[in-house]
């Protein structure tokens, strides 16, 4: 398996676990099984693509980017997934739920970043 495929597989596993946990914890987060697969694929593609764009344009070692940028990218990925997937398949309702789901999924993303062994793209 290539480094990119491995990175995507690890990301998908982290996203699956974190979104399932968040749906279990928060009453305002509803996801149906059939759409869960679509949401995982879509969210994973969005976050991997957004992460790639940001790491090419921002110094990867800036601590503020790691925390605030990661939270913003997670929120943006969730928002885009929420917009694309029909409400009966994926719905996050209420600010408290949005914050909680974003924090859980972001924490899983941080853990994924620690496990992912793909070398970061060098900035030129």
N, C-alpha and C. Protein backbone atom coordinates (compact mmCIF):
# COMPACT_ATOMS: atom_id res chain seq x y z
N UNK A 1 0.85 -1.18 0.00
CA UNK A 1 0.00 0.00 0.00
C UNK A 1 0.90 1.24 0.00
N UNK A 2 0.53 2.23 -0.80
CA UNK A 2 1.33 3.45 -0.88
C UNK A 2 1.14 4.29 0.37
N UNK A 3 2.04 5.25 0.57
CA UNK A 3 1.95 6.13 1.74
C UNK A 3 0.65 6.93 1.75
N UNK A 4 0.21 7.38 0.58
CA UNK A 4 -1.02 8.16 0.50
C UNK A 4 -2.22 7.28 0.85
N UNK A 5 -2.26 6.07 0.30
CA UNK A 5 -3.37 5.15 0.59
C UNK A 5 -3.40 4.79 2.07
N UNK A 6 -2.24 4.57 2.66
CA UNK A 6 -2.17 4.27 4.09
C UNK A 6 -2.66 5.45 4.91
N UNK A 7 -2.25 6.64 4.52
CA UNK A 7 -2.68 7.85 5.22
C UNK A 7 -4.20 8.02 5.14
N UNK A 8 -4.77 7.77 3.99
CA UNK A 8 -6.22 7.89 3.82
C UNK A 8 -6.94 6.82 4.63
N UNK A 9 -6.41 5.61 4.66
CA UNK A 9 -7.02 4.52 5.43
C UNK A 9 -7.01 4.83 6.93
N UNK A 10 -5.89 5.35 7.43
CA UNK A 10 -5.80 5.72 8.84
C UNK A 10 -6.77 6.86 9.15
N UNK A 11 -6.85 7.83 8.27
CA UNK A 11 -7.77 8.95 8.44
C UNK A 11 -9.21 8.46 8.46
N UNK A 12 -9.56 7.57 7.54
CA UNK A 12 -10.93 7.03 7.49
C UNK A 12 -11.27 6.27 8.77
N UNK A 13 -10.32 5.51 9.29
CA UNK A 13 -10.56 4.77 10.54
C UNK A 13 -10.78 5.73 11.71
N UNK A 14 -9.97 6.77 11.79
CA UNK A 14 -10.13 7.76 12.86
C UNK A 14 -11.45 8.50 12.72
N UNK A 15 -11.82 8.84 11.49
CA UNK A 15 -13.09 9.53 11.26
C UNK A 15 -14.29 8.64 11.59
N UNK A 16 -14.19 7.37 11.24
CA UNK A 16 -15.27 6.43 11.54
C UNK A 16 -15.49 6.33 13.04
N UNK A 17 -14.42 6.14 13.77
CA UNK A 17 -14.52 5.99 15.23
C UNK A 17 -15.02 7.28 15.87
N UNK A 18 -14.49 8.43 15.46
CA UNK A 18 -14.86 9.69 16.11
C UNK A 18 -16.29 10.11 15.78
N UNK A 19 -16.72 9.93 14.54
CA UNK A 19 -18.09 10.29 14.20
C UNK A 19 -19.10 9.35 14.86
N UNK A 20 -18.76 8.07 14.96
CA UNK A 20 -19.65 7.12 15.65
C UNK A 20 -19.76 7.48 17.13
N UNK A 21 -18.63 7.80 17.75
CA UNK A 21 -18.64 8.19 19.16
C UNK A 21 -19.46 9.47 19.36
N UNK A 22 -19.26 10.44 18.50
CA UNK A 22 -19.99 11.71 18.62
C UNK A 22 -21.50 11.49 18.43
N UNK A 23 -21.88 10.64 17.48
CA UNK A 23 -23.31 10.36 17.26
C UNK A 23 -23.91 9.64 18.46
N UNK A 24 -23.12 8.83 19.13
CA UNK A 24 -23.58 8.12 20.32
C UNK A 24 -23.75 9.06 21.50
N UNK A 25 -22.85 10.04 21.63
CA UNK A 25 -22.86 10.97 22.77
C UNK A 25 -23.91 12.07 22.62
N UNK A 26 -24.02 12.65 21.44
CA UNK A 26 -24.86 13.83 21.25
C UNK A 26 -26.21 13.50 20.61
N UNK A 27 -27.28 13.88 21.31
CA UNK A 27 -28.63 13.69 20.77
C UNK A 27 -28.87 14.54 19.53
N UNK A 28 -28.18 15.66 19.42
CA UNK A 28 -28.35 16.56 18.28
C UNK A 28 -27.56 16.16 17.05
N UNK A 29 -26.90 15.02 17.10
CA UNK A 29 -26.14 14.53 15.94
C UNK A 29 -26.75 13.21 15.51
N UNK A 30 -27.43 13.26 14.37
CA UNK A 30 -28.09 12.07 13.84
C UNK A 30 -27.42 11.65 12.54
N UNK A 31 -27.18 10.36 12.45
CA UNK A 31 -26.56 9.81 11.24
C UNK A 31 -27.14 8.42 11.02
N UNK A 32 -27.56 8.14 9.80
CA UNK A 32 -28.11 6.82 9.50
C UNK A 32 -27.00 5.95 8.94
N UNK A 33 -27.16 4.63 9.08
CA UNK A 33 -26.08 3.72 8.71
C UNK A 33 -25.68 3.85 7.24
N UNK A 34 -26.65 3.85 6.34
CA UNK A 34 -26.33 3.95 4.91
C UNK A 34 -25.58 5.22 4.57
N UNK A 35 -26.03 6.31 5.13
CA UNK A 35 -25.37 7.59 4.88
C UNK A 35 -24.08 7.74 5.67
N UNK A 36 -23.92 6.93 6.70
CA UNK A 36 -22.69 6.98 7.50
C UNK A 36 -21.48 6.69 6.62
N UNK A 37 -21.60 5.68 5.77
CA UNK A 37 -20.50 5.33 4.86
C UNK A 37 -20.22 6.48 3.91
N UNK A 38 -21.27 7.07 3.34
CA UNK A 38 -21.09 8.21 2.43
C UNK A 38 -20.44 9.38 3.17
N UNK A 39 -20.92 9.65 4.39
CA UNK A 39 -20.37 10.75 5.19
C UNK A 39 -18.89 10.53 5.51
N UNK A 40 -18.53 9.29 5.86
CA UNK A 40 -17.12 8.99 6.17
C UNK A 40 -16.25 9.23 4.95
N UNK A 41 -16.67 8.71 3.80
CA UNK A 41 -15.88 8.88 2.58
C UNK A 41 -15.76 10.36 2.24
N UNK A 42 -16.88 11.07 2.25
CA UNK A 42 -16.87 12.49 1.91
C UNK A 42 -16.03 13.30 2.90
N UNK A 43 -16.27 13.09 4.20
CA UNK A 43 -15.52 13.83 5.21
C UNK A 43 -14.02 13.53 5.12
N UNK A 44 -13.66 12.27 4.90
CA UNK A 44 -12.25 11.90 4.78
C UNK A 44 -11.61 12.56 3.58
N UNK A 45 -12.27 12.52 2.44
CA UNK A 45 -11.73 13.16 1.23
C UNK A 45 -11.57 14.66 1.45
N UNK A 46 -12.59 15.29 2.04
CA UNK A 46 -12.51 16.73 2.30
C UNK A 46 -11.37 17.09 3.25
N UNK A 47 -11.26 16.36 4.35
CA UNK A 47 -10.23 16.72 5.33
C UNK A 47 -8.82 16.42 4.83
N UNK A 48 -8.65 15.33 4.09
CA UNK A 48 -7.32 15.02 3.54
C UNK A 48 -6.95 16.08 2.50
N UNK A 49 -7.90 16.47 1.65
CA UNK A 49 -7.62 17.49 0.64
C UNK A 49 -7.34 18.85 1.29
N UNK A 50 -8.17 19.24 2.26
CA UNK A 50 -7.96 20.52 2.94
C UNK A 50 -6.63 20.52 3.69
N UNK A 51 -6.31 19.41 4.34
CA UNK A 51 -5.04 19.31 5.06
C UNK A 51 -3.86 19.46 4.10
N UNK A 52 -3.97 18.82 2.94
CA UNK A 52 -2.90 18.93 1.94
C UNK A 52 -2.71 20.36 1.45
N UNK A 53 -3.81 21.04 1.20
CA UNK A 53 -3.74 22.43 0.74
C UNK A 53 -3.09 23.32 1.80
N UNK A 54 -3.54 23.17 3.03
CA UNK A 54 -3.02 24.02 4.11
C UNK A 54 -1.55 23.72 4.39
N UNK A 55 -1.15 22.46 4.41
CA UNK A 55 0.25 22.15 4.72
C UNK A 55 1.19 22.61 3.61
N UNK A 56 0.65 22.79 2.41
CA UNK A 56 1.50 23.31 1.32
C UNK A 56 1.66 24.83 1.42
N UNK A 57 0.72 25.49 2.08
CA UNK A 57 0.73 26.95 2.08
C UNK A 57 1.12 27.58 3.42
N UNK A 58 1.04 26.82 4.50
CA UNK A 58 1.32 27.35 5.84
C UNK A 58 2.48 26.56 6.44
N UNK A 59 3.35 27.25 7.15
CA UNK A 59 4.44 26.57 7.82
C UNK A 59 3.86 25.55 8.80
N UNK A 60 4.15 24.28 8.57
CA UNK A 60 3.56 23.17 9.33
C UNK A 60 3.92 23.23 10.81
N UNK A 61 4.97 23.88 11.16
CA UNK A 61 5.42 23.86 12.54
C UNK A 61 4.92 25.04 13.37
N UNK A 62 4.03 25.82 12.81
CA UNK A 62 3.43 26.91 13.57
C UNK A 62 2.39 26.31 14.51
N UNK A 63 2.58 26.44 15.80
CA UNK A 63 1.71 25.80 16.79
C UNK A 63 0.28 26.32 16.70
N UNK A 64 0.11 27.59 16.44
CA UNK A 64 -1.23 28.15 16.32
C UNK A 64 -2.01 27.49 15.19
N UNK A 65 -1.34 27.19 14.09
CA UNK A 65 -2.00 26.50 12.98
C UNK A 65 -2.47 25.13 13.43
N UNK A 66 -1.63 24.44 14.16
CA UNK A 66 -1.95 23.08 14.57
C UNK A 66 -3.23 23.02 15.37
N UNK A 67 -3.43 23.95 16.26
CA UNK A 67 -4.61 23.93 17.12
C UNK A 67 -5.80 24.61 16.45
N UNK A 68 -5.68 25.89 16.18
CA UNK A 68 -6.79 26.66 15.62
C UNK A 68 -7.10 26.21 14.20
N UNK A 69 -6.08 26.04 13.39
CA UNK A 69 -6.28 25.60 12.01
C UNK A 69 -6.91 24.23 11.93
N UNK A 70 -6.47 23.33 12.79
CA UNK A 70 -7.04 21.98 12.81
C UNK A 70 -8.51 22.01 13.20
N UNK A 71 -8.85 22.83 14.19
CA UNK A 71 -10.26 22.96 14.59
C UNK A 71 -11.10 23.56 13.46
N UNK A 72 -10.56 24.57 12.80
CA UNK A 72 -11.29 25.20 11.70
C UNK A 72 -11.47 24.25 10.52
N UNK A 73 -10.42 23.49 10.19
CA UNK A 73 -10.53 22.53 9.10
C UNK A 73 -11.53 21.42 9.43
N UNK A 74 -11.53 20.98 10.67
CA UNK A 74 -12.49 19.96 11.10
C UNK A 74 -13.91 20.50 10.99
N UNK A 75 -14.12 21.71 11.49
CA UNK A 75 -15.44 22.34 11.41
C UNK A 75 -15.87 22.50 9.96
N UNK A 76 -14.97 22.96 9.10
CA UNK A 76 -15.29 23.15 7.69
C UNK A 76 -15.64 21.82 7.02
N UNK A 77 -14.87 20.77 7.32
CA UNK A 77 -15.17 19.45 6.78
C UNK A 77 -16.53 18.94 7.22
N UNK A 78 -16.85 19.14 8.51
CA UNK A 78 -18.17 18.73 9.02
C UNK A 78 -19.28 19.56 8.38
N UNK A 79 -19.06 20.85 8.24
CA UNK A 79 -20.06 21.73 7.64
C UNK A 79 -20.35 21.33 6.19
N UNK A 80 -19.30 21.11 5.41
CA UNK A 80 -19.49 20.71 4.02
C UNK A 80 -20.18 19.35 3.92
N UNK A 81 -19.82 18.43 4.80
CA UNK A 81 -20.48 17.12 4.83
C UNK A 81 -21.95 17.29 5.18
N UNK A 82 -22.24 18.15 6.15
CA UNK A 82 -23.62 18.40 6.57
C UNK A 82 -24.44 19.01 5.44
N UNK A 83 -23.82 19.86 4.64
CA UNK A 83 -24.52 20.51 3.52
C UNK A 83 -24.78 19.51 2.39
N UNK A 84 -23.80 18.65 2.09
CA UNK A 84 -23.91 17.73 0.95
C UNK A 84 -24.80 16.53 1.24
N UNK A 85 -24.67 15.93 2.41
CA UNK A 85 -25.44 14.73 2.75
C UNK A 85 -26.83 15.17 3.21
N UNK A 86 -27.90 14.51 2.72
CA UNK A 86 -29.27 14.88 3.13
C UNK A 86 -29.46 14.80 4.64
N UNK A 87 -30.36 15.64 5.15
CA UNK A 87 -30.63 15.73 6.59
C UNK A 87 -31.03 14.39 7.21
N UNK A 88 -31.74 13.55 6.45
CA UNK A 88 -32.12 12.26 7.02
C UNK A 88 -30.94 11.30 7.15
N UNK A 89 -29.81 11.64 6.56
CA UNK A 89 -28.63 10.79 6.63
C UNK A 89 -27.54 11.31 7.54
N UNK A 90 -27.44 12.64 7.68
CA UNK A 90 -26.36 13.26 8.46
C UNK A 90 -26.83 14.64 8.88
N UNK A 91 -27.05 14.84 10.17
CA UNK A 91 -27.54 16.15 10.64
C UNK A 91 -26.94 16.48 11.99
N UNK A 92 -26.35 17.66 12.08
CA UNK A 92 -25.83 18.16 13.34
C UNK A 92 -26.65 19.40 13.67
N UNK A 93 -27.33 19.36 14.82
CA UNK A 93 -28.23 20.45 15.22
C UNK A 93 -27.80 21.04 16.56
N UNK A 94 -27.72 22.36 16.62
CA UNK A 94 -27.41 23.07 17.86
C UNK A 94 -25.93 23.38 17.99
N UNK A 95 -25.64 24.58 18.52
CA UNK A 95 -24.24 25.02 18.66
C UNK A 95 -23.44 24.13 19.60
N UNK A 96 -24.06 23.70 20.69
CA UNK A 96 -23.36 22.82 21.62
C UNK A 96 -22.95 21.52 20.96
N UNK A 97 -23.85 20.98 20.14
CA UNK A 97 -23.55 19.75 19.41
C UNK A 97 -22.45 19.99 18.39
N UNK A 98 -22.53 21.11 17.66
CA UNK A 98 -21.48 21.43 16.69
C UNK A 98 -20.11 21.52 17.37
N UNK A 99 -20.07 22.20 18.49
CA UNK A 99 -18.79 22.35 19.21
C UNK A 99 -18.29 20.99 19.70
N UNK A 100 -19.17 20.22 20.31
CA UNK A 100 -18.78 18.91 20.83
C UNK A 100 -18.32 17.96 19.75
N UNK A 101 -19.08 17.87 18.66
CA UNK A 101 -18.71 16.98 17.55
C UNK A 101 -17.38 17.43 16.95
N UNK A 102 -17.24 18.73 16.75
CA UNK A 102 -15.98 19.26 16.18
C UNK A 102 -14.79 18.90 17.08
N UNK A 103 -14.94 19.06 18.39
CA UNK A 103 -13.83 18.74 19.31
C UNK A 103 -13.48 17.25 19.30
N UNK A 104 -14.50 16.39 19.28
CA UNK A 104 -14.23 14.94 19.26
C UNK A 104 -13.54 14.54 17.97
N UNK A 105 -14.06 15.01 16.84
CA UNK A 105 -13.47 14.64 15.55
C UNK A 105 -12.08 15.26 15.41
N UNK A 106 -11.89 16.48 15.90
CA UNK A 106 -10.57 17.12 15.86
C UNK A 106 -9.57 16.33 16.69
N UNK A 107 -9.97 15.89 17.89
CA UNK A 107 -9.07 15.11 18.75
C UNK A 107 -8.66 13.81 18.05
N UNK A 108 -9.60 13.18 17.37
CA UNK A 108 -9.26 11.97 16.61
C UNK A 108 -8.30 12.32 15.48
N UNK A 109 -8.48 13.49 14.89
CA UNK A 109 -7.56 13.94 13.83
C UNK A 109 -6.16 14.18 14.36
N UNK A 110 -6.06 14.70 15.58
CA UNK A 110 -4.75 14.89 16.21
C UNK A 110 -4.09 13.54 16.44
N UNK A 111 -4.86 12.59 16.94
CA UNK A 111 -4.34 11.23 17.15
C UNK A 111 -3.93 10.61 15.82
N UNK A 112 -4.74 10.81 14.79
CA UNK A 112 -4.40 10.32 13.45
C UNK A 112 -3.09 10.92 12.96
N UNK A 113 -2.92 12.21 13.21
CA UNK A 113 -1.68 12.88 12.81
C UNK A 113 -0.45 12.30 13.49
N UNK A 114 -0.63 11.81 14.72
CA UNK A 114 0.49 11.18 15.43
C UNK A 114 0.81 9.79 14.88
N UNK A 115 -0.21 9.10 14.37
CA UNK A 115 -0.04 7.73 13.86
C UNK A 115 0.40 7.74 12.40
N UNK A 116 -0.07 8.73 11.65
CA UNK A 116 0.23 8.82 10.22
C UNK A 116 1.72 9.01 10.02
N UNK A 117 2.33 8.13 9.26
CA UNK A 117 3.78 8.18 9.07
C UNK A 117 4.19 8.81 7.75
N UNK A 118 3.22 9.26 6.96
CA UNK A 118 3.56 9.90 5.69
C UNK A 118 4.31 11.19 5.98
N UNK A 119 5.43 11.38 5.33
CA UNK A 119 6.24 12.57 5.54
C UNK A 119 5.49 13.79 5.04
N UNK A 120 5.55 14.90 5.79
CA UNK A 120 4.88 16.12 5.32
C UNK A 120 5.55 16.64 4.06
N UNK A 121 4.77 17.30 3.24
CA UNK A 121 5.30 17.88 2.01
C UNK A 121 6.16 19.07 2.37
N UNK A 122 7.37 19.11 1.81
CA UNK A 122 8.26 20.22 2.12
C UNK A 122 7.76 21.49 1.45
N UNK A 123 7.81 22.57 2.21
CA UNK A 123 7.39 23.86 1.69
C UNK A 123 8.57 24.53 1.03
N UNK A 124 8.34 25.05 -0.15
CA UNK A 124 9.44 25.70 -0.88
C UNK A 124 9.26 27.16 -1.00
